[in-house]
Protein backbone atom coordinates (compact mmCIF):
# COMPACT_ATOMS: atom_id res chain seq x y z
CA UNK A 1 -47.11 -60.36 40.84
CA UNK A 2 -44.18 -61.06 38.59
CA UNK A 3 -46.66 -61.86 35.68
CA UNK A 4 -48.62 -58.67 36.19
CA UNK A 5 -45.47 -56.49 36.06
CA UNK A 6 -44.54 -58.07 33.01
CA UNK A 7 -47.94 -57.10 31.44
CA UNK A 8 -47.91 -53.72 32.73
CA UNK A 9 -44.41 -53.12 31.14
CA UNK A 10 -45.63 -54.49 27.70
CA UNK A 11 -48.88 -52.63 28.04
CA UNK A 12 -47.04 -49.47 28.50
CA UNK A 13 -44.65 -50.06 25.39
CA UNK A 14 -47.82 -51.18 23.39
CA UNK A 15 -49.15 -47.86 24.85
CA UNK A 16 -45.95 -45.84 23.88
CA UNK A 17 -45.76 -47.20 20.06
CA UNK A 18 -49.57 -46.48 19.81
CA UNK A 19 -48.94 -43.15 21.03
CA UNK A 20 -45.84 -42.71 19.06
CA UNK A 21 -48.06 -43.87 15.80
CA UNK A 22 -50.75 -41.21 16.27
CA UNK A 23 -48.88 -37.84 17.51
CA UNK A 24 -46.04 -36.11 16.69
CA UNK A 25 -44.43 -32.92 17.96
CA UNK A 26 -43.21 -29.76 15.86
CA UNK A 27 -40.46 -27.89 17.05
CA UNK A 28 -39.86 -23.96 17.07
CA UNK A 29 -37.71 -24.28 14.25
CA UNK A 30 -39.73 -26.73 12.31
CA UNK A 31 -42.81 -26.88 9.95
CA UNK A 32 -44.81 -29.79 8.90
CA UNK A 33 -47.11 -30.81 6.35
CA UNK A 34 -49.30 -33.96 6.98
CA UNK A 35 -49.98 -36.12 4.05
CA UNK A 36 -53.24 -38.55 4.02
CA UNK A 37 -52.43 -41.15 1.39
CA UNK A 38 -49.85 -38.99 -0.21
CA UNK A 39 -51.57 -35.89 -0.60
CA UNK A 40 -52.07 -32.89 1.49
CA UNK A 41 -54.35 -29.49 1.26
CA UNK A 42 -53.39 -26.21 2.94
CA UNK A 43 -55.19 -27.12 5.71
CA UNK A 44 -52.56 -29.71 6.39
CA UNK A 45 -49.59 -27.21 6.92
CA UNK A 46 -48.43 -26.80 10.57
CA UNK A 47 -46.23 -24.02 11.26
CA UNK A 48 -47.03 -23.64 14.92
CA UNK A 49 -44.89 -25.65 17.55
CA UNK A 50 -46.83 -27.90 19.73
CA UNK A 51 -48.06 -31.87 20.01
CA UNK A 52 -50.22 -32.89 17.35
CA UNK A 53 -52.08 -36.04 16.43
CA UNK A 54 -52.51 -38.24 13.25
CA UNK A 55 -53.59 -41.25 11.94
CA UNK A 56 -50.88 -43.94 11.86
CA UNK A 57 -49.00 -44.80 8.63
CA UNK A 58 -49.55 -45.25 5.88
CA UNK A 59 -52.94 -43.54 6.20
CA UNK A 60 -51.19 -40.20 7.44
CA UNK A 61 -47.41 -39.30 7.04
CA UNK A 62 -46.06 -36.38 8.56
CA UNK A 63 -43.00 -34.51 6.30
CA UNK A 64 -40.97 -32.28 8.72
CA UNK A 65 -39.25 -29.13 7.15
CA UNK A 66 -36.25 -27.11 9.00
CA UNK A 67 -38.28 -23.53 8.89
CA UNK A 68 -34.77 -21.81 9.87
CA UNK A 69 -33.07 -19.36 7.30
CA UNK A 70 -30.38 -20.87 5.42
CA UNK A 71 -27.25 -19.35 3.20
CA UNK A 72 -26.65 -20.29 -0.29
CA UNK A 73 -23.63 -19.62 -1.72
CA UNK A 74 -23.15 -19.32 -5.96
CA UNK A 75 -19.77 -20.57 -6.94
CA UNK A 76 -17.40 -17.49 -8.45
CA UNK A 77 -18.06 -16.99 -12.13
CA UNK A 78 -17.00 -14.24 -14.59
CA UNK A 79 -19.85 -12.05 -15.95
CA UNK A 80 -19.60 -8.42 -17.71
CA UNK A 81 -20.53 -4.98 -16.74
CA UNK A 82 -22.62 -2.99 -18.97
CA UNK A 83 -19.34 -1.77 -20.37
CA UNK A 84 -17.73 -4.71 -21.22
CA UNK A 85 -15.64 -5.22 -18.50
CA UNK A 86 -15.21 -9.07 -17.16
CA UNK A 87 -15.48 -9.38 -13.52
CA UNK A 88 -15.50 -12.06 -11.19
CA UNK A 89 -18.45 -12.23 -8.71
CA UNK A 90 -19.62 -14.45 -5.73
CA UNK A 91 -23.21 -14.39 -4.93
CA UNK A 92 -25.24 -15.13 -1.50
CA UNK A 93 -28.75 -15.94 -1.09
CA UNK A 94 -30.34 -15.94 2.33
CA UNK A 95 -33.68 -18.06 2.25
CA UNK A 96 -36.07 -20.13 4.15
CA UNK A 97 -39.00 -22.68 3.68
CA UNK A 98 -42.19 -20.29 3.69
CA UNK A 99 -44.87 -22.70 2.44
CA UNK A 100 -44.66 -26.36 3.22
CA UNK A 101 -47.28 -27.44 1.03
CA UNK A 102 -45.78 -25.78 -2.32
CA UNK A 103 -42.23 -26.90 -1.45
CA UNK A 104 -43.51 -30.09 -1.05
CA UNK A 105 -45.58 -30.72 -4.12
CA UNK A 106 -42.51 -28.67 -6.29
CA UNK A 107 -39.16 -29.83 -4.63
CA UNK A 108 -39.53 -31.70 -1.44
CA UNK A 109 -35.85 -31.77 -0.20
CA UNK A 110 -33.38 -28.76 0.19
CA UNK A 111 -30.53 -29.81 -1.72
CA UNK A 112 -32.67 -30.13 -4.75
CA UNK A 113 -34.03 -26.55 -3.86
CA UNK A 114 -30.94 -25.21 -3.94
CA UNK A 115 -29.41 -26.96 -6.97
CA UNK A 116 -32.33 -26.91 -9.09
CA UNK A 117 -34.19 -24.09 -7.85
CA UNK A 118 -31.81 -21.43 -6.47
CA UNK A 119 -28.59 -22.19 -8.54
CA UNK A 120 -29.98 -21.13 -12.03
CA UNK A 121 -32.09 -18.23 -10.91
CA UNK A 122 -29.40 -16.49 -8.67
CA UNK A 123 -26.90 -17.02 -11.72
CA UNK A 124 -29.49 -15.37 -14.29
CA UNK A 125 -30.52 -12.49 -11.88
CA UNK A 126 -26.81 -11.63 -11.03
CA UNK A 127 -25.56 -11.56 -14.68
CA UNK A 128 -28.73 -9.30 -15.39
CA UNK A 129 -28.11 -7.04 -12.59
CA UNK A 130 -24.45 -6.67 -13.24
CA UNK A 131 -24.86 -6.00 -16.89
CA UNK A 132 -27.12 -3.08 -16.14
CA UNK A 133 -24.03 -1.35 -14.46
CA UNK A 134 -20.77 -0.31 -15.31
CA UNK A 135 -17.29 -1.02 -13.85
CA UNK A 136 -16.64 2.21 -11.82
CA UNK A 137 -20.34 1.34 -9.87
CA UNK A 138 -18.11 -1.79 -8.33
CA UNK A 139 -14.68 -0.26 -8.37
CA UNK A 140 -14.05 3.37 -7.81
CA UNK A 141 -12.06 5.61 -5.75
CA UNK A 142 -14.83 7.81 -5.00
CA UNK A 143 -16.94 5.75 -2.74
CA UNK A 144 -19.99 7.90 -3.33
CA UNK A 145 -19.93 6.27 -6.83
CA UNK A 146 -19.96 2.62 -5.89
CA UNK A 147 -23.50 1.38 -6.03
CA UNK A 148 -23.21 -2.17 -4.43
CA UNK A 149 -26.34 -1.55 -2.30
CA UNK A 150 -28.90 -0.51 -5.20
CA UNK A 151 -27.35 -3.37 -7.17
CA UNK A 152 -27.71 -5.53 -4.19
CA UNK A 153 -31.53 -4.48 -3.85
CA UNK A 154 -32.19 -5.19 -8.06
CA UNK A 155 -30.78 -8.48 -7.58
CA UNK A 156 -32.98 -9.15 -4.77
CA UNK A 157 -36.07 -7.89 -6.29
CA UNK A 158 -35.35 -9.82 -9.31
CA UNK A 159 -34.93 -13.37 -7.60
CA UNK A 160 -37.66 -12.68 -5.33
CA UNK A 161 -39.90 -12.04 -8.34
CA UNK A 162 -38.47 -15.19 -9.59
CA UNK A 163 -39.35 -17.70 -6.91
CA UNK A 164 -42.56 -15.97 -6.09
CA UNK A 165 -43.75 -17.05 -9.93
CA UNK A 166 -42.21 -20.37 -9.74
CA UNK A 167 -44.52 -21.15 -6.46
CA UNK A 168 -42.16 -23.26 -4.78
CA UNK A 169 -42.87 -22.23 -1.56
CA UNK A 170 -39.54 -20.48 -0.60
CA UNK A 171 -39.12 -17.14 0.73
CA UNK A 172 -35.72 -15.00 -0.03
CA UNK A 173 -34.75 -12.89 2.67
CA UNK A 174 -31.71 -11.58 1.52
CA UNK A 175 -29.11 -11.06 -1.65
CA UNK A 176 -25.93 -9.86 -1.51
CA UNK A 177 -22.39 -9.83 -3.61
CA UNK A 178 -20.06 -11.74 -1.44
CA UNK A 179 -17.00 -11.03 -3.59
CA UNK A 180 -15.73 -9.21 -6.39
CA UNK A 181 -12.47 -9.83 -8.45
CA UNK A 182 -10.92 -8.45 -11.47
CA UNK A 183 -8.18 -9.83 -13.48
CA UNK A 184 -4.77 -8.14 -13.33
CA UNK A 185 -5.19 -7.06 -17.06
CA UNK A 186 -8.39 -5.73 -16.53
CA UNK A 187 -7.26 -3.44 -13.63
CA UNK A 188 -4.49 -2.09 -15.44
CA UNK A 189 -6.54 -0.95 -18.25
CA UNK A 190 -9.18 0.15 -15.99
CA UNK A 191 -7.00 2.50 -13.82
CA UNK A 192 -5.18 3.60 -16.82
CA UNK A 193 -8.79 4.84 -18.06
CA UNK A 194 -9.58 6.50 -14.52
CA UNK A 195 -6.34 8.04 -14.66
CA UNK A 196 -6.65 9.65 -18.48
CA UNK A 197 -10.36 10.74 -17.41
CA UNK A 198 -8.94 12.68 -14.15
CA UNK A 199 -6.01 13.95 -16.70
CA UNK A 200 -8.56 15.29 -19.34
CA UNK A 201 -11.01 16.72 -16.14
CA UNK A 202 -8.03 18.42 -14.92
CA UNK A 203 -7.27 20.00 -17.97
CA UNK A 204 -10.70 21.31 -18.33
CA UNK A 205 -10.81 22.53 -15.17
CA UNK A 206 -7.67 24.44 -15.71
CA UNK A 207 -9.09 25.97 -18.89
CA UNK A 208 -12.27 27.03 -17.57
CA UNK A 209 -10.02 28.69 -14.74
CA UNK A 210 -8.22 30.23 -17.32
CA UNK A 211 -11.36 31.25 -19.32
CA UNK A 212 -12.38 32.72 -16.04
CA UNK A 213 -9.38 34.50 -15.32
CA UNK A 214 -9.47 36.38 -18.58
CA UNK A 215 -12.90 37.21 -18.40
CA UNK A 216 -12.13 38.92 -14.95
CA UNK A 217 -9.02 40.77 -16.08
CA UNK A 218 -11.33 41.65 -19.05
CA UNK A 219 -14.23 42.68 -17.36
CA UNK A 220 -11.47 44.66 -14.65
CA UNK A 221 -9.82 46.41 -17.48
CA UNK A 222 -13.07 47.73 -18.91
CA UNK A 223 -14.32 48.80 -15.54
CA UNK A 224 -10.71 50.47 -15.22
CA UNK A 225 -11.04 52.14 -18.70
CA UNK A 226 -14.61 53.34 -17.67
CA UNK A 227 -13.50 54.91 -14.25
CA UNK A 228 -10.59 56.73 -15.74
CA UNK A 229 -12.46 58.11 -18.62
CA UNK A 230 -14.99 59.27 -16.36
CA UNK A 231 -12.26 60.76 -14.42
CA UNK A 232 -10.54 62.38 -17.01
CA UNK A 233 -14.25 63.84 -18.11
CA UNK A 234 -14.76 65.21 -14.64
CA UNK A 235 -11.27 66.87 -14.64
CA UNK A 236 -11.74 68.43 -17.77
CA UNK A 237 -15.07 69.89 -16.63
CA UNK A 238 -13.48 71.04 -13.13
CA UNK A 239 -10.21 72.69 -15.40
CA UNK A 240 -12.70 74.06 -17.76
CA UNK A 241 -14.55 75.80 -14.92
CA UNK A 242 -11.47 77.20 -13.17
CA UNK A 243 -10.40 78.23 -16.56
CA UNK A 244 -13.90 80.43 -16.55
CA UNK A 245 -13.06 81.53 -13.50
CA UNK A 246 -9.82 82.43 -13.96
CA UNK A 247 -10.76 84.27 -17.56
CA UNK A 248 -13.41 86.44 -14.98
CA UNK A 249 -10.70 87.49 -13.03
CA UNK A 250 -8.31 88.06 -15.58
CA UNK A 251 -10.42 90.33 -16.94
CA UNK A 252 -11.05 92.18 -13.89
CA UNK A 253 -7.43 92.70 -13.46
CA UNK A 254 -6.63 93.92 -17.10
CA UNK A 255 -9.10 96.79 -16.23
CA UNK A 256 -6.96 97.96 -13.19
CA UNK A 257 -3.18 97.02 -14.11
CA UNK A 258 -1.95 98.79 -11.04
CA UNK A 259 -4.40 96.48 -8.93
CA UNK A 260 -3.27 93.36 -10.48
CA UNK A 261 0.72 94.32 -10.08
CA UNK A 262 -0.03 94.98 -6.14
CA UNK A 263 -1.72 91.72 -5.84
CA UNK A 264 1.16 89.68 -7.41
CA UNK A 265 3.58 91.31 -5.28
CA UNK A 266 1.27 90.49 -2.39
CA UNK A 267 1.34 87.18 -3.46
CA UNK A 268 5.23 86.76 -3.77
CA UNK A 269 5.70 88.23 -0.70
CA UNK A 270 3.40 85.86 1.07
CA UNK A 271 5.17 83.17 -0.29
CA UNK A 272 8.56 84.23 0.50
CA UNK A 273 7.34 84.95 4.19
CA UNK A 274 6.01 81.25 4.63
CA UNK A 275 9.24 79.58 5.20
CA UNK A 276 12.05 80.39 7.74
CA UNK A 277 14.44 81.96 5.23
CA UNK A 278 17.08 84.83 5.47
CA UNK A 279 17.17 87.08 2.76
CA UNK A 280 19.46 90.41 2.29
CA UNK A 281 17.74 92.58 -0.49
CA UNK A 282 17.39 96.26 -0.50
CA UNK A 283 14.41 97.31 1.46
CA UNK A 284 13.13 99.31 -1.75
CA UNK A 285 12.87 96.15 -3.71
CA UNK A 286 9.76 94.89 -5.24
CA UNK A 287 7.68 93.16 -3.32
CA UNK A 288 9.21 94.27 0.23
CA UNK A 289 9.07 97.71 -0.11
CA UNK A 290 5.35 97.42 0.49
CA UNK A 291 6.70 96.70 4.13
CA UNK A 292 7.72 100.34 4.41
CA UNK A 293 4.41 101.84 3.63
CA UNK A 294 2.86 99.35 6.41
CA UNK A 295 0.86 101.45 9.40
CA UNK A 296 2.54 101.08 12.85
CA UNK A 297 0.00 99.45 15.31
CA UNK A 298 -1.76 102.12 17.92
CA UNK A 299 0.30 102.06 21.24
CA UNK A 300 -1.77 100.24 24.08
CA UNK A 301 -2.18 102.37 27.34
């Protein structure tokens, strides 16, 4: 009985070792490549999790890769903008192994991928993208003029194309600028230039305002002169019409002098009686002598 237990135990060990030699497990976070005598094809890529079988080593060998996304950060280095201003930039890249066969044939290790593949390409993409933009697009008091998003998109497109052309089995997920630093001398020079630009802009706006004010005053003066001239012309027409009417009346009055004198006396009497005034004058003085001849009103029954 004891020998049977030992034999069973040994058999289980042998079976376990045999199963271990001919099988392997792929986790959710892994992708694998099975090589046969050191070579593999696209059909040997395994990206789905599960239990798989293989021929024992050295016929077949399993190479596992972590398929999770990784973050690679470049060291801070100085580069220049389109205007020549130096800035210190640090960039990060989020990437993952997407095609195990290409990755195995070209690089094989993550360390080599970051040091040889990503480092130089990220540096070139970073410098090229920043060199196409001016300093004011990185540092500006007006938030709408800062173009970090556009610059990062350009870097992403360029790096994605460069990695795809290299066929290293790597997929770029995100490219971003982690940090931007500016030296004190550059900051002083840039902000002095920004201040000078604001001053120039303010003077230009003031000059535009003065020009607009002059235009408005000139236009108002022109309209005022035009209205005054029109009013004077109308007044002249009215005066001319009045003088013509008066001339007609004067002609009629010249024909009857007594009527003219009577009308003049009546007008004087009317003006005198309009206000509450006390006058002591002879009753036969003109024009009050006209009151003596006024008819008496008839008596009412």
